[in-house]
PDB file of N, CA and C in Angstrom:
ATOM      1  N   MET A   1      62.912  91.474 -58.088  1.00  0.00           N
ATOM      2  CA  MET A   1      63.618  90.613 -58.855  1.00  0.00           C
ATOM      3  C   MET A   1      64.913  91.330 -59.661  1.00  0.00           C
ATOM      4  N   GLN A   2      65.831  90.811 -60.008  1.00  0.00           N
ATOM      5  CA  GLN A   2      66.838  91.305 -60.955  1.00  0.00           C
ATOM      6  C   GLN A   2      67.083  90.504 -62.252  1.00  0.00           C
ATOM      7  N   ASN A   3      67.512  91.127 -63.331  1.00  0.00           N
ATOM      8  CA  ASN A   3      67.805  90.626 -64.551  1.00  0.00           C
ATOM      9  C   ASN A   3      69.276  89.888 -64.141  1.00  0.00           C
ATOM     10  N   ILE A   4      69.825  88.564 -64.865  1.00  0.00           N
ATOM     11  CA  ILE A   4      70.843  88.182 -64.480  1.00  0.00           C
ATOM     12  C   ILE A   4      72.071  88.938 -65.273  1.00  0.00           C
ATOM     13  N   LYS A   5      72.830  89.508 -64.711  1.00  0.00           N
ATOM     14  CA  LYS A   5      74.081  90.059 -65.186  1.00  0.00           C
ATOM     15  C   LYS A   5      75.112  89.770 -64.430  1.00  0.00           C
ATOM     16  N   ARG A   6      76.389  89.671 -65.037  1.00  0.00           N
ATOM     17  CA  ARG A   6      77.587  89.554 -64.139  1.00  0.00           C
ATOM     18  C   ARG A   6      78.734  90.810 -64.612  1.00  0.00           C
ATOM     19  N   THR A   7      79.180  91.069 -63.326  1.00  0.00           N
ATOM     20  CA  THR A   7      80.150  92.098 -63.482  1.00  0.00           C
ATOM     21  C   THR A   7      81.767  91.460 -63.615  1.00  0.00           C
ATOM     22  N   HIS A   8      82.584  92.027 -63.956  1.00  0.00           N
ATOM     23  CA  HIS A   8      84.001  91.143 -64.196  1.00  0.00           C
ATOM     24  C   HIS A   8      84.452  90.638 -63.043  1.00  0.00           C
ATOM     25  N   GLU A   9      84.238  91.481 -61.931  1.00  0.00           N
ATOM     26  CA  GLU A   9      84.710  90.841 -60.667  1.00  0.00           C
ATOM     27  C   GLU A   9      84.104  89.667 -59.853  1.00  0.00           C
ATOM     28  N   SER A  10      82.672  89.625 -60.280  1.00  0.00           N
ATOM     29  CA  SER A  10      82.069  88.310 -59.633  1.00  0.00           C
ATOM     30  C   SER A  10      82.379  87.112 -60.349  1.00  0.00           C
ATOM     31  N   PRO A  11      82.165  86.007 -59.487  1.00  0.00           N
ATOM     32  CA  PRO A  11      82.319  84.637 -60.210  1.00  0.00           C
ATOM     33  C   PRO A  11      81.255  84.402 -61.135  1.00  0.00           C
ATOM     34  N   ASN A  12      81.268  83.358 -61.941  1.00  0.00           N
ATOM     35  CA  ASN A  12      80.186  82.834 -62.909  1.00  0.00           C
ATOM     36  C   ASN A  12      79.157  82.283 -62.083  1.00  0.00           C
ATOM     37  N   ILE A  13      78.023  82.749 -62.567  1.00  0.00           N
ATOM     38  CA  ILE A  13      76.704  82.192 -61.894  1.00  0.00           C
ATOM     39  C   ILE A  13      76.522  80.579 -61.978  1.00  0.00           C
ATOM     40  N   SER A  14      77.101  79.816 -62.763  1.00  0.00           N
ATOM     41  CA  SER A  14      77.269  78.463 -62.711  1.00  0.00           C
ATOM     42  C   SER A  14      78.064  77.865 -61.815  1.00  0.00           C
ATOM     43  N   GLU A  15      79.138  78.599 -61.455  1.00  0.00           N
ATOM     44  CA  GLU A  15      80.000  78.174 -60.520  1.00  0.00           C
ATOM     45  C   GLU A  15      79.330  78.395 -59.286  1.00  0.00           C
ATOM     46  N   LEU A  16      78.596  79.520 -58.939  1.00  0.00           N
ATOM     47  CA  LEU A  16      77.841  79.809 -57.773  1.00  0.00           C
ATOM     48  C   LEU A  16      76.866  78.623 -57.555  1.00  0.00           C
ATOM     49  N   ALA A  17      76.067  78.156 -58.677  1.00  0.00           N
ATOM     50  CA  ALA A  17      75.023  77.306 -58.749  1.00  0.00           C
ATOM     51  C   ALA A  17      75.490  75.910 -58.328  1.00  0.00           C
ATOM     52  N   LEU A  18      76.646  75.479 -58.910  1.00  0.00           N
ATOM     53  CA  LEU A  18      77.065  74.026 -58.795  1.00  0.00           C
ATOM     54  C   LEU A  18      77.705  74.078 -57.384  1.00  0.00           C
ATOM     55  N   THR A  19      78.191  75.158 -56.795  1.00  0.00           N
ATOM     56  CA  THR A  19      78.956  75.136 -55.374  1.00  0.00           C
ATOM     57  C   THR A  19      77.672  74.925 -54.317  1.00  0.00           C
ATOM     58  N   ILE A  20      76.555  75.659 -54.484  1.00  0.00           N
ATOM     59  CA  ILE A  20      75.490  75.457 -53.562  1.00  0.00           C
ATOM     60  C   ILE A  20      74.857  74.109 -53.935  1.00  0.00           C
ATOM     61  N   TYR A  21      74.602  73.766 -55.089  1.00  0.00           N
ATOM     62  CA  TYR A  21      74.162  72.332 -55.018  1.00  0.00           C
ATOM     63  C   TYR A  21      75.077  71.362 -54.500  1.00  0.00           C
ATOM     64  N   ASN A  22      76.472  71.504 -54.776  1.00  0.00           N
ATOM     65  CA  ASN A  22      77.114  70.451 -53.867  1.00  0.00           C
ATOM     66  C   ASN A  22      77.362  70.372 -52.658  1.00  0.00           C
ATOM     67  N   ARG A  23      77.033  71.809 -51.972  1.00  0.00           N
ATOM     68  CA  ARG A  23      77.116  71.872 -50.600  1.00  0.00           C
ATOM     69  C   ARG A  23      75.635  71.177 -50.148  1.00  0.00           C
ATOM     70  N   GLU A  24      74.628  71.277 -50.914  1.00  0.00           N
ATOM     71  CA  GLU A  24      73.413  70.650 -50.135  1.00  0.00           C
ATOM     72  C   GLU A  24      73.250  69.000 -50.550  1.00  0.00           C
ATOM     73  N   TYR A  25      73.976  68.633 -51.677  1.00  0.00           N
ATOM     74  CA  TYR A  25      73.888  67.093 -52.061  1.00  0.00           C
ATOM     75  C   TYR A  25      75.521  66.795 -52.136  1.00  0.00           C
ATOM     76  N   ASP A  26      75.728  65.451 -51.945  1.00  0.00           N
ATOM     77  CA  ASP A  26      76.794  64.931 -52.174  1.00  0.00           C
ATOM     78  C   ASP A  26      77.399  64.900 -53.642  1.00  0.00           C
ATOM     79  N   SER A  27      76.793  64.991 -54.588  1.00  0.00           N
ATOM     80  CA  SER A  27      76.961  64.856 -55.879  1.00  0.00           C
ATOM     81  C   SER A  27      76.050  65.394 -56.847  1.00  0.00           C
ATOM     82  N   THR A  28      76.600  66.028 -58.243  1.00  0.00           N
ATOM     83  CA  THR A  28      75.728  66.348 -59.090  1.00  0.00           C
ATOM     84  C   THR A  28      75.084  65.357 -59.872  1.00  0.00           C
ATOM     85  N   ALA A  29      75.447  64.155 -59.411  1.00  0.00           N
ATOM     86  CA  ALA A  29      75.215  62.937 -60.543  1.00  0.00           C
ATOM     87  C   ALA A  29      73.536  62.762 -60.747  1.00  0.00           C
ATOM     88  N   ASP A  30      72.931  63.217 -59.479  1.00  0.00           N
ATOM     89  CA  ASP A  30      71.303  63.157 -59.464  1.00  0.00           C
ATOM     90  C   ASP A  30      70.772  64.429 -60.016  1.00  0.00           C
ATOM     91  N   LEU A  31      71.449  65.388 -60.458  1.00  0.00           N
ATOM     92  CA  LEU A  31      70.770  66.574 -61.130  1.00  0.00           C
ATOM     93  C   LEU A  31      69.984  66.181 -62.275  1.00  0.00           C
ATOM     94  N   ARG A  32      68.746  66.492 -62.169  1.00  0.00           N
ATOM     95  CA  ARG A  32      67.915  66.224 -63.629  1.00  0.00           C
ATOM     96  C   ARG A  32      67.286  67.341 -63.970  1.00  0.00           C
ATOM     97  N   HIS A  33      67.130  68.435 -63.319  1.00  0.00           N
ATOM     98  CA  HIS A  33      66.344  69.568 -63.903  1.00  0.00           C
ATOM     99  C   HIS A  33      67.042  70.927 -63.325  1.00  0.00           C
ATOM    100  N   ILE A  34      66.677  71.810 -64.184  1.00  0.00           N
ATOM    101  CA  ILE A  34      67.111  73.347 -63.675  1.00  0.00           C
ATOM    102  C   ILE A  34      65.991  74.097 -63.830  1.00  0.00           C
ATOM    103  N   PHE A  35      65.331  75.024 -62.949  1.00  0.00           N
ATOM    104  CA  PHE A  35      64.214  75.618 -63.088  1.00  0.00           C
ATOM    105  C   PHE A  35      64.688  76.855 -62.898  1.00  0.00           C
ATOM    106  N   PHE A  36      63.691  77.763 -63.714  1.00  0.00           N
ATOM    107  CA  PHE A  36      64.183  79.299 -63.747  1.00  0.00           C
ATOM    108  C   PHE A  36      62.297  79.478 -63.587  1.00  0.00           C
ATOM    109  N   THR A  37      62.219  80.397 -62.158  1.00  0.00           N
ATOM    110  CA  THR A  37      60.798  80.961 -62.077  1.00  0.00           C
ATOM    111  C   THR A  37      60.777  82.156 -62.282  1.00  0.00           C
ATOM    112  N   THR A  38      59.585  82.591 -62.780  1.00  0.00           N
ATOM    113  CA  THR A  38      59.337  83.928 -62.892  1.00  0.00           C
ATOM    114  C   THR A  38      60.286  84.632 -64.105  1.00  0.00           C
ATOM    115  N   VAL A  39      60.298  84.056 -65.106  1.00  0.00           N
ATOM    116  CA  VAL A  39      61.604  84.429 -65.979  1.00  0.00           C
ATOM    117  C   VAL A  39      61.145  86.045 -66.561  1.00  0.00           C
ATOM    118  N   ILE A  40      62.332  86.756 -66.001  1.00  0.00           N
ATOM    119  CA  ILE A  40      62.343  88.392 -66.498  1.00  0.00           C
ATOM    120  C   ILE A  40      63.409  88.685 -67.337  1.00  0.00           C
ATOM    121  N   ASN A  41      64.421  87.475 -67.410  1.00  0.00           N
ATOM    122  CA  ASN A  41      65.409  87.789 -68.464  1.00  0.00           C
ATOM    123  C   ASN A  41      64.704  88.104 -69.992  1.00  0.00           C
ATOM    124  N   GLU A  42      65.130  89.477 -70.162  1.00  0.00           N
ATOM    125  CA  GLU A  42      64.466  89.979 -71.584  1.00  0.00           C
ATOM    126  C   GLU A  42      64.721  89.235 -72.741  1.00  0.00           C
ATOM    127  N   GLN A  43      65.854  88.706 -72.911  1.00  0.00           N
ATOM    128  CA  GLN A  43      66.106  87.972 -74.110  1.00  0.00           C
ATOM    129  C   GLN A  43      65.504  86.734 -74.140  1.00  0.00           C
ATOM    130  N   THR A  44      65.451  86.056 -73.028  1.00  0.00           N
ATOM    131  CA  THR A  44      64.654  84.596 -72.977  1.00  0.00           C
ATOM    132  C   THR A  44      63.213  84.810 -73.205  1.00  0.00           C
ATOM    133  N   ARG A  45      62.522  85.553 -72.413  1.00  0.00           N
ATOM    134  CA  ARG A  45      61.139  86.154 -72.179  1.00  0.00           C
ATOM    135  C   ARG A  45      60.754  86.363 -73.718  1.00  0.00           C
ATOM    136  N   THR A  46      61.341  87.273 -74.423  1.00  0.00           N
ATOM    137  CA  THR A  46      60.999  87.739 -75.650  1.00  0.00           C
ATOM    138  C   THR A  46      61.099  86.894 -76.699  1.00  0.00           C
ATOM    139  N   LEU A  47      61.943  86.015 -76.639  1.00  0.00           N
ATOM    140  CA  LEU A  47      61.951  84.924 -77.628  1.00  0.00           C
ATOM    141  C   LEU A  47      60.829  83.971 -77.476  1.00  0.00           C
ATOM    142  N   ILE A  48      60.702  83.499 -76.492  1.00  0.00           N
ATOM    143  CA  ILE A  48      59.551  82.547 -76.198  1.00  0.00           C
ATOM    144  C   ILE A  48      58.193  83.367 -76.175  1.00  0.00           C
ATOM    145  N   THR A  49      58.086  84.212 -75.677  1.00  0.00           N
ATOM    146  CA  THR A  49      56.666  84.904 -75.445  1.00  0.00           C
ATOM    147  C   THR A  49      56.275  85.723 -76.930  1.00  0.00           C
ATOM    148  N   GLU A  50      57.238  85.764 -77.696  1.00  0.00           N
ATOM    149  CA  GLU A  50      56.817  86.967 -78.930  1.00  0.00           C
ATOM    150  C   GLU A  50      57.156  86.306 -80.268  1.00  0.00           C
ATOM    151  N   ASP A  51      58.454  85.350 -80.157  1.00  0.00           N
ATOM    152  CA  ASP A  51      58.710  84.936 -81.327  1.00  0.00           C
ATOM    153  C   ASP A  51      58.697  83.525 -81.522  1.00  0.00           C
ATOM    154  N   LEU A  52      58.752  82.666 -80.514  1.00  0.00           N
ATOM    155  CA  LEU A  52      58.555  81.273 -80.867  1.00  0.00           C
ATOM    156  C   LEU A  52      57.013  80.995 -80.357  1.00  0.00           C
ATOM    157  N   TYR A  53      56.370  81.426 -79.536  1.00  0.00           N
ATOM    158  CA  TYR A  53      55.071  81.109 -79.310  1.00  0.00           C
ATOM    159  C   TYR A  53      54.293  82.348 -78.877  1.00  0.00           C
ATOM    160  N   PRO A  54      53.848  83.164 -80.135  1.00  0.00           N
ATOM    161  CA  PRO A  54      53.285  84.331 -79.852  1.00  0.00           C
ATOM    162  C   PRO A  54      51.748  84.238 -79.237  1.00  0.00           C
ATOM    163  N   SER A  55      51.214  83.125 -79.165  1.00  0.00           N
ATOM    164  CA  SER A  55      49.930  83.048 -78.602  1.00  0.00           C
ATOM    165  C   SER A  55      49.822  82.720 -77.227  1.00  0.00           C
ATOM    166  N   TRP A  56      51.430  82.725 -76.566  1.00  0.00           N
ATOM    167  CA  TRP A  56      51.323  82.654 -75.253  1.00  0.00           C
ATOM    168  C   TRP A  56      50.793  83.466 -74.357  1.00  0.00           C
ATOM    169  N   PRO A  57      50.047  83.146 -73.217  1.00  0.00           N
ATOM    170  CA  PRO A  57      50.171  82.086 -72.563  1.00  0.00           C
ATOM    171  C   PRO A  57      48.697  81.322 -72.573  1.00  0.00           C
ATOM    172  N   THR A  58      48.280  81.114 -73.924  1.00  0.00           N
ATOM    173  CA  THR A  58      47.232  80.250 -73.977  1.00  0.00           C
ATOM    174  C   THR A  58      47.310  78.902 -73.386  1.00  0.00           C
ATOM    175  N   ALA A  59      48.526  78.096 -73.740  1.00  0.00           N
ATOM    176  CA  ALA A  59      48.664  76.907 -73.583  1.00  0.00           C
ATOM    177  C   ALA A  59      49.539  76.888 -72.065  1.00  0.00           C
ATOM    178  N   PRO A  60      49.128  75.957 -70.995  1.00  0.00           N
ATOM    179  CA  PRO A  60      49.744  76.185 -69.819  1.00  0.00           C
ATOM    180  C   PRO A  60      51.300  75.325 -69.778  1.00  0.00           C
ATOM    181  N   VAL A  61      51.308  74.505 -70.841  1.00  0.00           N
ATOM    182  CA  VAL A  61      52.768  73.913 -70.876  1.00  0.00           C
ATOM    183  C   VAL A  61      53.213  73.946 -72.372  1.00  0.00           C
ATOM    184  N   MET A  62      54.550  74.323 -72.619  1.00  0.00           N
ATOM    185  CA  MET A  62      55.309  74.043 -73.942  1.00  0.00           C
ATOM    186  C   MET A  62      56.476  73.542 -73.776  1.00  0.00           C
ATOM    187  N   THR A  63      56.501  72.483 -74.756  1.00  0.00           N
ATOM    188  CA  THR A  63      57.877  71.566 -74.875  1.00  0.00           C
ATOM    189  C   THR A  63      58.669  71.759 -75.969  1.00  0.00           C
ATOM    190  N   TRP A  64      59.983  71.985 -75.976  1.00  0.00           N
ATOM    191  CA  TRP A  64      60.877  71.882 -77.140  1.00  0.00           C
ATOM    192  C   TRP A  64      62.083  70.825 -76.717  1.00  0.00           C
ATOM    193  N   GLU A  65      61.859  70.108 -77.676  1.00  0.00           N
ATOM    194  CA  GLU A  65      62.957  68.955 -77.902  1.00  0.00           C
ATOM    195  C   GLU A  65      64.219  69.079 -78.316  1.00  0.00           C
ATOM    196  N   HIS A  66      65.405  68.627 -77.904  1.00  0.00           N
ATOM    197  CA  HIS A  66      66.720  68.583 -78.391  1.00  0.00           C
ATOM    198  C   HIS A  66      66.720  68.558 -79.759  1.00  0.00           C
ATOM    199  N   GLY A  67      67.436  69.325 -80.440  1.00  0.00           N
ATOM    200  CA  GLY A  67      67.611  69.028 -81.803  1.00  0.00           C
ATOM    201  C   GLY A  67      66.593  69.916 -82.681  1.00  0.00           C
ATOM    202  N   THR A  68      65.446  70.538 -82.087  1.00  0.00           N
ATOM    203  CA  THR A  68      64.584  71.202 -82.840  1.00  0.00           C
ATOM    204  C   THR A  68      65.025  72.494 -82.912  1.00  0.00           C
ATOM    205  N   PRO A  69      64.702  73.459 -83.978  1.00  0.00           N
ATOM    206  CA  PRO A  69      65.284  74.933 -84.202  1.00  0.00           C
ATOM    207  C   PRO A  69      64.785  75.743 -83.049  1.00  0.00           C
ATOM    208  N   GLN A  70      63.838  75.412 -82.523  1.00  0.00           N
ATOM    209  CA  GLN A  70      63.285  76.406 -81.122  1.00  0.00           C
ATOM    210  C   GLN A  70      64.014  75.750 -80.126  1.00  0.00           C
ATOM    211  N   PHE A  71      64.621  74.729 -79.789  1.00  0.00           N
ATOM    212  CA  PHE A  71      65.277  74.449 -78.676  1.00  0.00           C
ATOM    213  C   PHE A  71      66.524  75.119 -78.720  1.00  0.00           C
ATOM    214  N   GLU A  72      67.197  75.252 -80.167  1.00  0.00           N
ATOM    215  CA  GLU A  72      68.348  75.705 -80.146  1.00  0.00           C
ATOM    216  C   GLU A  72      68.309  77.120 -80.059  1.00  0.00           C
ATOM    217  N   GLN A  73      67.172  77.847 -80.569  1.00  0.00           N
ATOM    218  CA  GLN A  73      67.006  79.197 -80.296  1.00  0.00           C
ATOM    219  C   GLN A  73      67.247  79.516 -78.610  1.00  0.00           C
ATOM    220  N   ILE A  74      66.364  78.595 -78.021  1.00  0.00           N
ATOM    221  CA  ILE A  74      66.334  78.855 -76.283  1.00  0.00           C
ATOM    222  C   ILE A  74      67.604  78.510 -75.823  1.00  0.00           C
ATOM    223  N   ILE A  75      68.338  77.657 -76.261  1.00  0.00           N
ATOM    224  CA  ILE A  75      69.597  77.348 -75.614  1.00  0.00           C
ATOM    225  C   ILE A  75      70.466  78.522 -75.936  1.00  0.00           C
ATOM    226  N   GLY A  76      70.364  79.108 -77.042  1.00  0.00           N
ATOM    227  CA  GLY A  76      71.200  80.551 -77.518  1.00  0.00           C
ATOM    228  C   GLY A  76      70.776  81.706 -76.697  1.00  0.00           C
ATOM    229  N   THR A  77      70.006  81.639 -75.802  1.00  0.00           N
ATOM    230  CA  THR A  77      69.592  82.654 -74.893  1.00  0.00           C
ATOM    231  C   THR A  77      70.547  82.815 -73.804  1.00  0.00           C
ATOM    232  N   ARG A  78      70.411  83.853 -72.903  1.00  0.00           N
ATOM    233  CA  ARG A  78      71.182  84.072 -71.640  1.00  0.00           C
ATOM    234  C   ARG A  78      70.862  82.663 -70.551  1.00  0.00           C
ATOM    235  N   LEU A  79      69.699  82.353 -70.453  1.00  0.00           N
ATOM    236  CA  LEU A  79      69.380  81.454 -69.582  1.00  0.00           C
ATOM    237  C   LEU A  79      69.887  79.921 -70.004  1.00  0.00           C
ATOM    238  N   GLY A  80      69.758  79.756 -71.455  1.00  0.00           N
ATOM    239  CA  GLY A  80      69.951  78.641 -72.263  1.00  0.00           C
ATOM    240  C   GLY A  80      71.566  78.404 -71.946  1.00  0.00           C
ATOM    241  N   HIS A  81      72.327  79.755 -72.083  1.00  0.00           N
ATOM    242  CA  HIS A  81      73.692  79.675 -71.919  1.00  0.00           C
ATOM    243  C   HIS A  81      74.160  79.236 -70.405  1.00  0.00           C
ATOM    244  N   LEU A  82      73.323  79.678 -69.541  1.00  0.00           N
ATOM    245  CA  LEU A  82      73.709  79.516 -68.211  1.00  0.00           C
ATOM    246  C   LEU A  82      73.440  78.201 -67.850  1.00  0.00           C
ATOM    247  N   THR A  83      72.381  77.391 -68.477  1.00  0.00           N
ATOM    248  CA  THR A  83      72.266  75.980 -68.201  1.00  0.00           C
ATOM    249  C   THR A  83      73.152  75.221 -68.740  1.00  0.00           C
ATOM    250  N   GLY A  84      73.729  75.575 -69.836  1.00  0.00           N
ATOM    251  CA  GLY A  84      74.931  74.985 -70.460  1.00  0.00           C
ATOM    252  C   GLY A  84      75.897  74.870 -69.895  1.00  0.00           C
ATOM    253  N   TYR A  85      76.254  76.038 -69.149  1.00  0.00           N
ATOM    254  CA  TYR A  85      77.456  76.234 -68.110  1.00  0.00           C
ATOM    255  C   TYR A  85      77.688  75.154 -67.055  1.00  0.00           C
ATOM    256  N   ILE A  86      76.373  75.141 -66.547  1.00  0.00           N
ATOM    257  CA  ILE A  86      76.016  74.230 -65.385  1.00  0.00           C
ATOM    258  C   ILE A  86      76.476  73.022 -65.730  1.00  0.00           C
ATOM    259  N   VAL A  87      75.543  72.325 -66.852  1.00  0.00           N
ATOM    260  CA  VAL A  87      75.734  71.022 -67.470  1.00  0.00           C
ATOM    261  C   VAL A  87      77.235  70.903 -67.758  1.00  0.00           C
ATOM    262  N   GLY A  88      77.987  71.798 -68.367  1.00  0.00           N
ATOM    263  CA  GLY A  88      79.327  71.668 -68.639  1.00  0.00           C
ATOM    264  C   GLY A  88      80.081  71.421 -67.203  1.00  0.00           C
ATOM    265  N   GLY A  89      79.563  71.489 -66.133  1.00  0.00           N
ATOM    266  CA  GLY A  89      80.217  71.090 -64.858  1.00  0.00           C
ATOM    267  C   GLY A  89      80.418  69.687 -64.540  1.00  0.00           C
ATOM    268  N   PHE A  90      79.662  68.776 -65.600  1.00  0.00           N
ATOM    269  CA  PHE A  90      79.830  67.259 -65.411  1.00  0.00           C
ATOM    270  C   PHE A  90      80.952  66.902 -66.306  1.00  0.00           C
ATOM    271  N   ASP A  91      81.608  65.738 -66.213  1.00  0.00           N
ATOM    272  CA  ASP A  91      82.434  65.246 -66.956  1.00  0.00           C
ATOM    273  C   ASP A  91      81.982  65.213 -68.448  1.00  0.00           C
ATOM    274  N   ARG A  92      82.869  65.739 -69.407  1.00  0.00           N
ATOM    275  CA  ARG A  92      82.572  65.922 -70.574  1.00  0.00           C
ATOM    276  C   ARG A  92      81.917  64.699 -71.523  1.00  0.00           C
ATOM    277  N   GLY A  93      80.543  64.974 -72.214  1.00  0.00           N
ATOM    278  CA  GLY A  93      79.933  63.956 -72.757  1.00  0.00           C
ATOM    279  C   GLY A  93      79.210  63.192 -72.071  1.00  0.00           C
ATOM    280  N   THR A  94      79.055  63.671 -70.709  1.00  0.00           N
ATOM    281  CA  THR A  94      78.352  62.383 -69.776  1.00  0.00           C
ATOM    282  C   THR A  94      76.587  62.896 -69.630  1.00  0.00           C
ATOM    283  N   ARG A  95      76.421  64.139 -69.997  1.00  0.00           N
ATOM    284  CA  ARG A  95      75.205  64.796 -69.876  1.00  0.00           C
ATOM    285  C   ARG A  95      74.828  65.689 -71.029  1.00  0.00           C
ATOM    286  N   ARG A  96      73.532  66.024 -71.103  1.00  0.00           N
ATOM    287  CA  ARG A  96      72.944  66.668 -72.179  1.00  0.00           C
ATOM    288  C   ARG A  96      71.778  67.308 -71.691  1.00  0.00           C
ATOM    289  N   ILE A  97      71.274  68.699 -72.023  1.00  0.00           N
ATOM    290  CA  ILE A  97      70.054  69.093 -72.198  1.00  0.00           C
ATOM    291  C   ILE A  97      69.117  68.475 -73.092  1.00  0.00           C
ATOM    292  N   ALA A  98      68.292  67.961 -72.610  1.00  0.00           N
ATOM    293  CA  ALA A  98      67.230  66.788 -73.481  1.00  0.00           C
ATOM    294  C   ALA A  98      66.054  67.650 -74.058  1.00  0.00           C
ATOM    295  N   ARG A  99      65.579  68.570 -73.093  1.00  0.00           N
ATOM    296  CA  ARG A  99      64.218  69.339 -73.440  1.00  0.00           C
ATOM    297  C   ARG A  99      64.385  70.652 -72.728  1.00  0.00           C
ATOM    298  N   VAL A 100      63.442  71.564 -73.018  1.00  0.00           N
ATOM    299  CA  VAL A 100      63.071  72.677 -72.337  1.00  0.00           C
ATOM    300  C   VAL A 100      61.558  72.788 -72.289  1.00  0.00           C
ATOM    301  N   VAL A 101      61.196  72.962 -71.041  1.00  0.00           N
ATOM    302  CA  VAL A 101      59.648  73.084 -70.845  1.00  0.00           C
ATOM    303  C   VAL A 101      59.238  74.394 -70.317  1.00  0.00           C
ATOM    304  N   GLY A 102      58.667  74.810 -70.802  1.00  0.00           N
ATOM    305  CA  GLY A 102      57.732  76.334 -70.315  1.00  0.00           C
ATOM    306  C   GLY A 102      56.463  76.091 -69.882  1.00  0.00           C
ATOM    307  N   TYR A 103      56.294  76.734 -68.791  1.00  0.00           N
ATOM    308  CA  TYR A 103      55.165  76.842 -67.906  1.00  0.00           C
ATOM    309  C   TYR A 103      54.440  78.204 -67.781  1.00  0.00           C
ATOM    310  N   SER A 104      53.046  78.148 -68.274  1.00  0.00           N
ATOM    311  CA  SER A 104      52.388  79.413 -67.824  1.00  0.00           C
ATOM    312  C   SER A 104      51.253  79.078 -66.883  1.00  0.00           C
ATOM    313  N   LEU A 105      51.425  78.738 -65.809  1.00  0.00           N
ATOM    314  CA  LEU A 105      50.521  78.175 -64.880  1.00  0.00           C
ATOM    315  C   LEU A 105      49.789  79.387 -64.197  1.00  0.00           C
ATOM    316  N   TYR A 106      50.410  80.560 -63.983  1.00  0.00           N
ATOM    317  CA  TYR A 106      49.677  81.937 -63.618  1.00  0.00           C
ATOM    318  C   TYR A 106      49.877  82.975 -64.696  1.00  0.00           C
ATOM    319  N   ARG A 107      48.837  83.623 -65.160  1.00  0.00           N
ATOM    320  CA  ARG A 107      48.544  84.682 -65.931  1.00  0.00           C
ATOM    321  C   ARG A 107      50.104  85.604 -66.269  1.00  0.00           C
ATOM    322  N   ASP A 108      50.768  85.566 -67.383  1.00  0.00           N
ATOM    323  CA  ASP A 108      51.989  86.346 -67.828  1.00  0.00           C
ATOM    324  C   ASP A 108      53.207  85.969 -67.010  1.00  0.00           C
ATOM    325  N   ILE A 109      53.140  84.858 -66.354  1.00  0.00           N
ATOM    326  CA  ILE A 109      54.403  84.421 -65.369  1.00  0.00           C
ATOM    327  C   ILE A 109      54.886  83.126 -66.307  1.00  0.00           C
ATOM    328  N   LEU A 110      56.329  83.066 -66.846  1.00  0.00           N
ATOM    329  CA  LEU A 110      56.970  82.245 -67.578  1.00  0.00           C
ATOM    330  C   LEU A 110      57.878  81.530 -66.678  1.00  0.00           C
ATOM    331  N   ASP A 111      57.938  80.267 -66.392  1.00  0.00           N
ATOM    332  CA  ASP A 111      58.726  79.257 -65.632  1.00  0.00           C
ATOM    333  C   ASP A 111      59.387  78.307 -66.833  1.00  0.00           C
ATOM    334  N   LEU A 112      60.702  78.107 -66.390  1.00  0.00           N
ATOM    335  CA  LEU A 112      61.347  77.325 -67.457  1.00  0.00           C
ATOM    336  C   LEU A 112      61.667  76.076 -66.692  1.00  0.00           C
ATOM    337  N   ARG A 113      62.026  74.818 -67.325  1.00  0.00           N
ATOM    338  CA  ARG A 113      62.489  73.651 -66.934  1.00  0.00           C
ATOM    339  C   ARG A 113      63.433  73.341 -67.899  1.00  0.00           C
ATOM    340  N   PHE A 114      64.632  73.156 -67.672  1.00  0.00           N
ATOM    341  CA  PHE A 114      65.544  72.540 -68.482  1.00  0.00           C
ATOM    342  C   PHE A 114      65.850  71.237 -68.024  1.00  0.00           C
ATOM    343  N   ASP A 115      65.581  69.897 -68.836  1.00  0.00           N
ATOM    344  CA  ASP A 115      65.829  68.741 -68.343  1.00  0.00           C
ATOM    345  C   ASP A 115      66.933  68.184 -68.923  1.00  0.00           C
ATOM    346  N   ILE A 116      67.832  67.491 -67.886  1.00  0.00           N
ATOM    347  CA  ILE A 116      69.195  67.086 -68.209  1.00  0.00           C
ATOM    348  C   ILE A 116      69.084  65.679 -67.971  1.00  0.00           C
ATOM    349  N   GLU A 117      69.802  64.862 -68.984  1.00  0.00           N
ATOM    350  CA  GLU A 117      69.707  63.620 -69.106  1.00  0.00           C
ATOM    351  C   GLU A 117      71.030  62.817 -69.196  1.00  0.00           C
ATOM    352  N   PRO A 118      71.476  61.662 -68.855  1.00  0.00           N
ATOM    353  CA  PRO A 118      72.600  60.898 -69.032  1.00  0.00           C
ATOM    354  C   PRO A 118      72.928  60.774 -70.723  1.00  0.00           C
ATOM    355  N   MET A 119      74.133  60.681 -71.369  1.00  0.00           N
ATOM    356  CA  MET A 119      74.045  60.349 -72.508  1.00  0.00           C
ATOM    357  C   MET A 119      74.845  58.801 -72.799  1.00  0.00           C
TER     358      MET A 119
END
């Protein structure tokens, strides 16, 4: 696996993700979740496993709701920004990231789910 990085010559990952999604489905209207499995992005992983939830992975599921300081910190990470870019592909003001759910179903593996809902 590789960490998410972009060179100046490559398209934005959000554009690639929306293109692939739109190729498989007629519309992004039904998009409700964005998953990141086996998170290795250092910024995101460190924030969650060391700063926000230092006793991780003792709880199998962690939820951070929109508007909480922890949610805002996660949205400020690289994976949070990426999710924001994808949600930005919708018409302005029609969708938001409602919550972030972290899973630790297997030892030391962090999976994230960003829930998207209509506004």
